[in-house]
């Protein structure tokens, strides 16, 4: 028997039901639903879609924002003994 509790787009399944319906639960999570897996009716984990975050980085997007000092690759005076 499935123990389903709806809380703000969250659905709870016991472990045995989650195992039997895993593909369905993955589809639901991919659709944005929070799927809670419970053991003995106690929530133990959530199955949620990963947020891919920001758009892919565009090469050159920091152009004009970064300044490299003229002496960037010069050896500091206190390291002269190590050259």
Protein backbone atom coordinates (compact mmCIF):
# COMPACT_ATOMS: atom_id res chain seq x y z
CA UNK A 1 0.00 0.00 0.00
CA UNK A 2 1.32 3.45 -0.88
CA UNK A 3 1.54 6.04 1.82
CA UNK A 4 1.11 9.31 -0.06
CA UNK A 5 1.13 12.62 1.76
CA UNK A 6 0.84 15.77 -0.32
CA UNK A 7 2.64 18.80 1.08
CA UNK A 8 3.35 21.70 -1.26
CA UNK A 9 4.11 19.59 -4.34
CA UNK A 10 5.65 16.85 -2.23
CA UNK A 11 4.57 13.21 -2.34
CA UNK A 12 5.70 10.51 0.10
CA UNK A 13 6.25 6.82 -0.74
CA UNK A 14 7.40 3.96 1.45
CA UNK A 15 10.65 2.29 0.33
CA UNK A 16 8.98 -0.82 -1.15
CA UNK A 17 6.59 1.28 -3.23
CA UNK A 18 9.38 3.60 -4.32
CA UNK A 19 11.41 0.59 -5.47
CA UNK A 20 8.51 -0.78 -7.51
CA UNK A 21 7.66 2.63 -9.03
CA UNK A 22 11.15 4.10 -9.38
CA UNK A 23 10.83 5.09 -13.07
CA UNK A 24 7.56 6.88 -12.35
CA UNK A 25 9.11 8.69 -9.36
CA UNK A 26 12.06 9.81 -11.48
CA UNK A 27 9.64 11.24 -14.07
CA UNK A 28 7.74 13.05 -11.34
CA UNK A 29 10.93 14.49 -9.86
CA UNK A 30 12.07 15.59 -13.33
CA UNK A 31 8.74 17.42 -13.68
CA UNK A 32 9.60 19.42 -10.56
CA UNK A 33 7.75 17.42 -7.91
CA UNK A 34 9.51 16.68 -4.63
CA UNK A 35 9.28 12.94 -3.96
CA UNK A 36 9.88 11.88 -0.35
CA UNK A 37 10.94 8.30 0.43
CA UNK A 38 9.95 7.01 3.88
CA UNK A 39 10.87 4.01 6.00
CA UNK A 40 8.17 3.00 8.50
CA UNK A 41 6.27 6.17 7.55
CA UNK A 42 9.24 8.33 8.61
CA UNK A 43 10.73 10.46 5.79
CA UNK A 44 14.37 9.54 5.18
CA UNK A 45 15.27 11.14 1.83
CA UNK A 46 14.05 13.30 -1.06
CA UNK A 47 14.21 12.65 -4.77
CA UNK A 48 14.43 16.01 -6.54
CA UNK A 49 15.56 17.25 -9.93
CA UNK A 50 19.08 18.67 -10.01
CA UNK A 51 19.20 22.35 -10.79
CA UNK A 52 21.75 22.81 -13.53
CA UNK A 53 22.29 26.35 -12.33
CA UNK A 54 23.49 29.11 -14.59
CA UNK A 55 23.75 29.11 -18.35
CA UNK A 56 26.97 27.70 -19.82
CA UNK A 57 29.96 29.98 -19.47
CA UNK A 58 30.74 32.13 -22.49
CA UNK A 59 34.46 32.49 -23.25
CA UNK A 60 35.54 36.12 -22.99
CA UNK A 61 32.60 37.12 -20.80
CA UNK A 62 34.96 38.72 -18.24
CA UNK A 63 36.77 40.82 -20.86
CA UNK A 64 37.35 44.30 -19.46
CA UNK A 65 36.56 43.20 -15.89
CA UNK A 66 39.92 41.69 -14.98
CA UNK A 67 43.20 43.58 -14.84
CA UNK A 68 46.56 41.86 -14.70
CA UNK A 69 49.39 43.89 -13.20
CA UNK A 70 52.26 44.77 -15.53
CA UNK A 71 54.69 42.97 -13.20
CA UNK A 72 52.47 39.90 -12.79
CA UNK A 73 55.18 37.39 -13.70
CA UNK A 74 58.07 39.28 -12.06
CA UNK A 75 59.77 37.61 -9.11
CA UNK A 76 59.07 39.46 -5.83
CA UNK A 77 62.14 41.11 -4.29
CA UNK A 78 62.08 38.87 -1.21
CA UNK A 79 62.29 35.75 -3.44
CA UNK A 80 65.38 36.83 -5.39
CA UNK A 81 67.55 34.45 -3.31
CA UNK A 82 65.57 31.47 -4.65
CA UNK A 83 66.15 32.16 -8.35
